[in-house]
C-alpha cells in the first residue's frame, strides 16, 4: 500500500530545504501574516487532508472486507464511503497543488545559520510535489 502521507511529507521536506530547519522548529518563529506562516498553515491543511484520505480509505476497506456480508444497506454505506474518499482526495490534491505552486515560486537565500529565519525569498528551480494527475 502506498504511503498515504507522501504528498505532505514531500512538501514538508521542501519547506525544510527552503528554510534550513524542520517545519516544527520554524513554527515557533512564524509571524501571522508572513510567508513562513502561510507556508506552514498550508502544510498543516495538507497534512490534515492526508489524514482524511487515510481515514476514508480505511473506512472503505473496513466496509468492503472480504469476510463481510454485503446487502442493500451495506451497499449504501460503501457507496457513501467511496464518495467521501473521492472528496477527501480532491481536497488533498487541491491543497497540494496550491502549496506546490507557492513552493515552486520560492528559493532559499543563503544566510548565517545563527541569524533568525526571515521570509526574504528568491525564485528557485525546485522539483514539484508528487500530485495525482486528473
N, C-alpha and C. Protein backbone atom coordinates (compact mmCIF):
# COMPACT_ATOMS: atom_id res chain seq x y z
N UNK A 1 0.85 -1.19 0.00
CA UNK A 1 0.00 0.00 0.00
C UNK A 1 0.89 1.24 0.00
N UNK A 2 0.61 2.20 -0.87
CA UNK A 2 1.43 3.40 -0.93
C UNK A 2 1.31 4.24 0.35
N UNK A 3 2.32 5.04 0.60
CA UNK A 3 2.35 5.89 1.78
C UNK A 3 1.26 6.96 1.66
N UNK A 4 0.26 6.97 2.56
CA UNK A 4 -0.82 7.95 2.44
C UNK A 4 -0.38 9.38 2.77
N UNK A 5 0.80 9.52 3.34
CA UNK A 5 1.29 10.85 3.74
C UNK A 5 2.44 11.33 2.87
N UNK A 6 2.65 10.70 1.73
CA UNK A 6 3.79 11.05 0.86
C UNK A 6 3.73 12.49 0.37
N UNK A 7 2.56 12.98 0.04
CA UNK A 7 2.43 14.33 -0.51
C UNK A 7 2.80 15.37 0.55
N UNK A 8 2.23 15.26 1.74
CA UNK A 8 2.54 16.26 2.78
C UNK A 8 3.97 16.10 3.28
N UNK A 9 4.48 14.88 3.29
CA UNK A 9 5.87 14.67 3.70
C UNK A 9 6.82 15.37 2.71
N UNK A 10 6.55 15.24 1.41
CA UNK A 10 7.39 15.88 0.39
C UNK A 10 7.32 17.41 0.53
N UNK A 11 6.15 17.94 0.81
CA UNK A 11 6.01 19.39 0.99
C UNK A 11 6.79 19.85 2.21
N UNK A 12 6.72 19.09 3.29
CA UNK A 12 7.48 19.43 4.50
C UNK A 12 8.98 19.41 4.25
N UNK A 13 9.44 18.43 3.47
CA UNK A 13 10.86 18.36 3.13
C UNK A 13 11.29 19.55 2.28
N UNK A 14 10.42 19.99 1.39
CA UNK A 14 10.77 21.16 0.56
C UNK A 14 10.80 22.43 1.39
N UNK A 15 9.90 22.56 2.36
CA UNK A 15 9.93 23.73 3.24
C UNK A 15 11.20 23.70 4.08
N UNK A 16 11.57 22.51 4.56
CA UNK A 16 12.81 22.38 5.34
C UNK A 16 14.02 22.74 4.49
N UNK A 17 14.05 22.30 3.24
CA UNK A 17 15.16 22.63 2.36
C UNK A 17 15.21 24.13 2.09
N UNK A 18 14.06 24.75 2.00
CA UNK A 18 13.96 26.17 1.72
C UNK A 18 14.45 27.02 2.89
N UNK A 19 14.07 26.65 4.11
CA UNK A 19 14.39 27.43 5.30
C UNK A 19 15.55 26.87 6.12
N UNK A 20 15.98 25.66 5.82
CA UNK A 20 17.11 25.08 6.54
C UNK A 20 16.78 24.51 7.91
N UNK A 21 15.51 24.42 8.24
CA UNK A 21 15.07 23.84 9.51
C UNK A 21 13.76 23.09 9.30
N UNK A 22 13.48 22.10 10.14
CA UNK A 22 12.22 21.36 10.01
C UNK A 22 11.03 22.29 10.29
N UNK A 23 9.88 22.03 9.66
CA UNK A 23 8.69 22.86 9.88
C UNK A 23 8.30 23.01 11.35
N UNK A 24 8.51 21.96 12.15
CA UNK A 24 8.17 22.04 13.58
C UNK A 24 8.98 23.14 14.27
N UNK A 25 10.25 23.24 13.96
CA UNK A 25 11.09 24.29 14.54
C UNK A 25 10.72 25.66 14.00
N UNK A 26 10.37 25.73 12.73
CA UNK A 26 10.02 27.00 12.10
C UNK A 26 8.74 27.60 12.66
N UNK A 27 7.83 26.74 13.10
CA UNK A 27 6.53 27.20 13.57
C UNK A 27 6.65 28.17 14.74
N UNK A 28 7.64 27.98 15.59
CA UNK A 28 7.81 28.84 16.77
C UNK A 28 8.10 30.28 16.37
N UNK A 29 8.80 30.50 15.27
CA UNK A 29 9.15 31.85 14.87
C UNK A 29 8.29 32.44 13.77
N UNK A 30 7.26 31.72 13.35
CA UNK A 30 6.42 32.19 12.25
C UNK A 30 5.46 33.27 12.75
N UNK A 31 5.48 34.41 12.08
CA UNK A 31 4.59 35.52 12.44
C UNK A 31 3.35 35.50 11.56
N UNK A 32 2.20 35.63 12.18
CA UNK A 32 0.93 35.65 11.45
C UNK A 32 0.99 36.73 10.38
N UNK A 33 0.56 36.38 9.17
CA UNK A 33 0.57 37.32 8.07
C UNK A 33 1.82 37.24 7.21
N UNK A 34 2.84 36.50 7.65
CA UNK A 34 4.08 36.37 6.89
C UNK A 34 4.06 35.15 5.97
N UNK A 35 5.03 35.10 5.06
CA UNK A 35 5.11 33.99 4.11
C UNK A 35 5.35 32.67 4.83
N UNK A 36 6.23 32.67 5.82
CA UNK A 36 6.52 31.43 6.55
C UNK A 36 5.25 30.91 7.23
N UNK A 37 4.51 31.80 7.84
CA UNK A 37 3.26 31.40 8.50
C UNK A 37 2.30 30.80 7.46
N UNK A 38 2.18 31.46 6.31
CA UNK A 38 1.28 30.97 5.26
C UNK A 38 1.71 29.59 4.76
N UNK A 39 3.01 29.39 4.58
CA UNK A 39 3.51 28.08 4.14
C UNK A 39 3.20 27.00 5.17
N UNK A 40 3.47 27.30 6.43
CA UNK A 40 3.24 26.31 7.48
C UNK A 40 1.76 26.03 7.67
N UNK A 41 0.93 27.05 7.50
CA UNK A 41 -0.52 26.87 7.59
C UNK A 41 -1.01 25.99 6.43
N UNK A 42 -0.47 26.24 5.24
CA UNK A 42 -0.83 25.41 4.08
C UNK A 42 -0.36 23.97 4.27
N UNK A 43 0.83 23.80 4.82
CA UNK A 43 1.33 22.45 5.11
C UNK A 43 0.43 21.75 6.11
N UNK A 44 0.00 22.47 7.14
CA UNK A 44 -0.89 21.89 8.14
C UNK A 44 -2.21 21.45 7.50
N UNK A 45 -2.76 22.27 6.62
CA UNK A 45 -4.01 21.91 5.92
C UNK A 45 -3.79 20.68 5.05
N UNK A 46 -2.63 20.60 4.39
CA UNK A 46 -2.33 19.44 3.55
C UNK A 46 -2.17 18.18 4.40
N UNK A 47 -1.53 18.29 5.55
CA UNK A 47 -1.38 17.13 6.44
C UNK A 47 -2.74 16.67 6.95
N UNK A 48 -3.60 17.61 7.27
CA UNK A 48 -4.96 17.27 7.71
C UNK A 48 -5.71 16.56 6.59
N UNK A 49 -5.57 17.05 5.38
CA UNK A 49 -6.22 16.43 4.22
C UNK A 49 -5.67 15.02 3.99
N UNK A 50 -4.36 14.83 4.16
CA UNK A 50 -3.76 13.49 4.04
C UNK A 50 -4.37 12.53 5.07
N UNK A 51 -4.56 13.01 6.30
CA UNK A 51 -5.18 12.17 7.33
C UNK A 51 -6.60 11.80 6.94
N UNK A 52 -7.32 12.73 6.32
CA UNK A 52 -8.68 12.46 5.86
C UNK A 52 -8.71 11.37 4.81
N UNK A 53 -7.76 11.43 3.88
CA UNK A 53 -7.67 10.39 2.84
C UNK A 53 -7.38 9.04 3.48
N UNK A 54 -6.43 9.00 4.41
CA UNK A 54 -6.09 7.73 5.07
C UNK A 54 -7.29 7.18 5.84
N UNK A 55 -8.01 8.04 6.54
CA UNK A 55 -9.17 7.60 7.31
C UNK A 55 -10.26 7.06 6.39
N UNK A 56 -10.57 7.80 5.32
CA UNK A 56 -11.64 7.37 4.42
C UNK A 56 -11.26 6.08 3.68
N UNK A 57 -9.98 5.92 3.37
CA UNK A 57 -9.52 4.68 2.74
C UNK A 57 -9.73 3.50 3.68
N UNK A 58 -9.37 3.70 4.94
CA UNK A 58 -9.55 2.64 5.94
C UNK A 58 -11.03 2.31 6.12
N UNK A 59 -11.88 3.32 6.13
CA UNK A 59 -13.32 3.09 6.24
C UNK A 59 -13.83 2.23 5.09
N UNK A 60 -13.42 2.59 3.88
CA UNK A 60 -13.86 1.83 2.70
C UNK A 60 -13.35 0.40 2.76
N UNK A 61 -12.11 0.20 3.19
CA UNK A 61 -11.57 -1.16 3.32
C UNK A 61 -12.35 -1.95 4.37
N UNK A 62 -12.66 -1.31 5.48
CA UNK A 62 -13.40 -1.98 6.55
C UNK A 62 -14.79 -2.38 6.07
N UNK A 63 -15.47 -1.48 5.37
CA UNK A 63 -16.83 -1.75 4.91
C UNK A 63 -16.88 -2.81 3.80
N UNK A 64 -15.81 -2.92 3.04
CA UNK A 64 -15.81 -3.86 1.91
C UNK A 64 -14.89 -5.05 2.15
N UNK A 65 -14.64 -5.37 3.40
CA UNK A 65 -13.78 -6.51 3.74
C UNK A 65 -14.37 -7.80 3.17
N UNK A 66 -13.51 -8.70 2.69
CA UNK A 66 -14.00 -9.94 2.06
C UNK A 66 -14.88 -10.80 2.96
N UNK A 67 -14.69 -10.73 4.28
CA UNK A 67 -15.46 -11.57 5.19
C UNK A 67 -16.81 -10.95 5.59
N UNK A 68 -17.11 -9.76 5.10
CA UNK A 68 -18.38 -9.10 5.43
C UNK A 68 -19.47 -9.46 4.43
N UNK A 69 -20.65 -9.66 4.94
CA UNK A 69 -21.81 -9.85 4.07
C UNK A 69 -22.24 -8.47 3.56
N UNK A 70 -22.54 -8.40 2.29
CA UNK A 70 -22.91 -7.11 1.70
C UNK A 70 -24.33 -7.19 1.17
N UNK A 71 -25.22 -6.47 1.88
CA UNK A 71 -26.62 -6.38 1.47
C UNK A 71 -26.91 -4.96 1.01
N UNK A 72 -28.18 -4.65 0.81
CA UNK A 72 -28.56 -3.31 0.31
C UNK A 72 -28.10 -2.17 1.22
N UNK A 73 -28.18 -2.35 2.53
CA UNK A 73 -27.75 -1.31 3.45
C UNK A 73 -26.24 -1.11 3.36
N UNK A 74 -25.49 -2.21 3.30
CA UNK A 74 -24.03 -2.13 3.20
C UNK A 74 -23.60 -1.47 1.89
N UNK A 75 -24.34 -1.73 0.81
CA UNK A 75 -24.02 -1.11 -0.48
C UNK A 75 -24.13 0.40 -0.37
N UNK A 76 -25.15 0.88 0.33
CA UNK A 76 -25.31 2.32 0.52
C UNK A 76 -24.14 2.89 1.33
N UNK A 77 -23.71 2.17 2.36
CA UNK A 77 -22.58 2.63 3.17
C UNK A 77 -21.28 2.63 2.37
N UNK A 78 -21.09 1.60 1.57
CA UNK A 78 -19.88 1.52 0.74
C UNK A 78 -19.87 2.65 -0.29
N UNK A 79 -21.01 2.90 -0.90
CA UNK A 79 -21.11 4.00 -1.87
C UNK A 79 -20.81 5.33 -1.21
N UNK A 80 -21.35 5.53 -0.02
CA UNK A 80 -21.08 6.77 0.72
C UNK A 80 -19.60 6.89 1.08
N UNK A 81 -18.99 5.79 1.50
CA UNK A 81 -17.56 5.80 1.84
C UNK A 81 -16.71 6.12 0.61
N UNK A 82 -17.09 5.57 -0.54
CA UNK A 82 -16.35 5.86 -1.77
C UNK A 82 -16.49 7.33 -2.15
N UNK A 83 -17.68 7.89 -1.97
CA UNK A 83 -17.91 9.31 -2.24
C UNK A 83 -17.07 10.18 -1.31
N UNK A 84 -17.04 9.82 -0.04
CA UNK A 84 -16.24 10.59 0.92
C UNK A 84 -14.74 10.49 0.62
N UNK A 85 -14.29 9.32 0.21
CA UNK A 85 -12.89 9.15 -0.16
C UNK A 85 -12.55 10.01 -1.37
N UNK A 86 -13.43 10.00 -2.35
CA UNK A 86 -13.22 10.82 -3.55
C UNK A 86 -13.12 12.30 -3.19
N UNK A 87 -13.99 12.75 -2.32
CA UNK A 87 -13.96 14.15 -1.88
C UNK A 87 -12.67 14.45 -1.11
N UNK A 88 -12.25 13.53 -0.24
CA UNK A 88 -11.02 13.74 0.54
C UNK A 88 -9.80 13.83 -0.38
N UNK A 89 -9.75 12.99 -1.41
CA UNK A 89 -8.63 13.02 -2.36
C UNK A 89 -8.64 14.34 -3.13
N UNK A 90 -9.82 14.79 -3.52
CA UNK A 90 -9.93 16.05 -4.25
C UNK A 90 -9.45 17.22 -3.40
N UNK A 91 -9.84 17.26 -2.14
CA UNK A 91 -9.40 18.32 -1.22
C UNK A 91 -7.89 18.26 -1.03
N UNK A 92 -7.37 17.06 -0.80
CA UNK A 92 -5.92 16.89 -0.61
C UNK A 92 -5.15 17.35 -1.85
N UNK A 93 -5.62 16.96 -3.02
CA UNK A 93 -4.93 17.34 -4.25
C UNK A 93 -4.98 18.85 -4.49
N UNK A 94 -6.09 19.48 -4.12
CA UNK A 94 -6.19 20.94 -4.27
C UNK A 94 -5.18 21.64 -3.36
N UNK A 95 -5.09 21.19 -2.11
CA UNK A 95 -4.10 21.76 -1.18
C UNK A 95 -2.68 21.53 -1.71
N UNK A 96 -2.43 20.34 -2.22
CA UNK A 96 -1.09 20.01 -2.73
C UNK A 96 -0.72 20.89 -3.92
N UNK A 97 -1.67 21.11 -4.82
CA UNK A 97 -1.38 21.96 -5.99
C UNK A 97 -1.04 23.38 -5.59
N UNK A 98 -1.83 23.95 -4.68
CA UNK A 98 -1.58 25.33 -4.25
C UNK A 98 -0.22 25.43 -3.56
N UNK A 99 0.05 24.54 -2.64
CA UNK A 99 1.32 24.58 -1.92
C UNK A 99 2.49 24.34 -2.88
N UNK A 100 2.32 23.43 -3.82
CA UNK A 100 3.37 23.17 -4.81
C UNK A 100 3.66 24.42 -5.63
N UNK A 101 2.61 25.11 -6.07
CA UNK A 101 2.81 26.33 -6.86
C UNK A 101 3.54 27.40 -6.06
N UNK A 102 3.18 27.56 -4.81
CA UNK A 102 3.86 28.55 -3.97
C UNK A 102 5.32 28.15 -3.76
N UNK A 103 5.56 26.88 -3.45
CA UNK A 103 6.94 26.44 -3.22
C UNK A 103 7.79 26.55 -4.47
N UNK A 104 7.20 26.34 -5.64
CA UNK A 104 7.96 26.49 -6.89
C UNK A 104 8.38 27.93 -7.12
N UNK A 105 7.64 28.87 -6.55
CA UNK A 105 7.97 30.28 -6.76
C UNK A 105 9.00 30.80 -5.76
N UNK A 106 9.38 29.96 -4.80
CA UNK A 106 10.31 30.39 -3.75
C UNK A 106 11.66 29.71 -3.89
N UNK A 107 12.68 30.34 -3.34
CA UNK A 107 14.02 29.75 -3.32
C UNK A 107 14.73 30.13 -2.04
N UNK A 108 15.73 29.39 -1.70
CA UNK A 108 16.46 29.63 -0.45
C UNK A 108 17.49 30.72 -0.64
N UNK A 109 17.52 31.66 0.29
CA UNK A 109 18.52 32.72 0.30
C UNK A 109 19.60 32.30 1.30
N UNK A 110 20.88 32.21 0.86
CA UNK A 110 21.93 31.85 1.81
C UNK A 110 21.99 32.87 2.94
N UNK A 111 22.11 32.38 4.16
CA UNK A 111 22.19 33.27 5.31
C UNK A 111 23.03 32.64 6.40
N UNK A 112 23.40 33.45 7.35
CA UNK A 112 24.15 33.00 8.51
C UNK A 112 23.25 32.05 9.31
N UNK A 113 23.72 30.81 9.64
CA UNK A 113 22.88 29.85 10.36
C UNK A 113 22.37 30.38 11.70
N UNK A 114 23.08 31.31 12.32
CA UNK A 114 22.64 31.82 13.62
C UNK A 114 21.65 32.97 13.47
N UNK A 115 21.45 33.47 12.24
CA UNK A 115 20.51 34.57 12.01
C UNK A 115 19.08 34.06 12.11
N UNK A 116 18.15 34.93 12.52
CA UNK A 116 16.74 34.49 12.60
C UNK A 116 16.20 34.20 11.21
N UNK A 117 15.21 33.31 11.16
CA UNK A 117 14.59 32.94 9.89
C UNK A 117 13.75 34.11 9.40
N UNK A 118 13.93 34.47 8.14
CA UNK A 118 13.11 35.52 7.53
C UNK A 118 12.39 34.94 6.33
N UNK A 119 11.47 35.68 5.78
CA UNK A 119 10.76 35.19 4.60
C UNK A 119 11.22 35.93 3.34
N UNK A 120 12.46 36.40 3.31
CA UNK A 120 13.02 37.01 2.11
C UNK A 120 13.45 35.88 1.20
N UNK A 121 12.77 35.71 0.07
CA UNK A 121 12.99 34.56 -0.78
C UNK A 121 13.24 34.98 -2.22
N UNK A 122 13.92 34.13 -2.97
CA UNK A 122 14.15 34.38 -4.39
C UNK A 122 13.61 33.21 -5.20
N UNK A 123 13.34 33.39 -6.50
CA UNK A 123 12.81 32.30 -7.32
C UNK A 123 13.77 31.11 -7.38
N UNK A 124 13.24 29.86 -7.27
CA UNK A 124 14.07 28.66 -7.27
C UNK A 124 13.97 27.85 -8.57
N UNK A 125 14.64 26.71 -8.52
CA UNK A 125 14.49 25.69 -9.56
C UNK A 125 14.27 24.38 -8.83
N UNK A 126 13.15 24.26 -8.09
CA UNK A 126 12.90 23.07 -7.28
C UNK A 126 11.96 22.11 -7.99
N UNK A 127 12.01 20.85 -7.57
CA UNK A 127 11.18 19.82 -8.16
C UNK A 127 9.75 19.94 -7.62
N UNK A 128 8.74 19.62 -8.43
CA UNK A 128 7.35 19.72 -7.97
C UNK A 128 7.00 18.60 -7.00
N UNK A 129 5.98 18.84 -6.19
CA UNK A 129 5.46 17.82 -5.29
C UNK A 129 4.80 16.72 -6.11
N UNK A 130 4.79 15.49 -5.60
CA UNK A 130 4.06 14.45 -6.32
C UNK A 130 2.57 14.69 -6.14
N UNK A 131 1.88 15.08 -7.19
CA UNK A 131 0.45 15.36 -7.15
C UNK A 131 -0.23 14.41 -8.14
N UNK A 132 -1.32 13.85 -7.71
CA UNK A 132 -2.06 12.94 -8.59
C UNK A 132 -2.54 13.69 -9.81
N UNK A 133 -2.47 13.05 -10.95
CA UNK A 133 -2.98 13.67 -12.17
C UNK A 133 -4.49 13.53 -12.20
N UNK A 134 -5.12 14.39 -12.95
CA UNK A 134 -6.59 14.38 -13.03
C UNK A 134 -7.08 13.30 -13.93
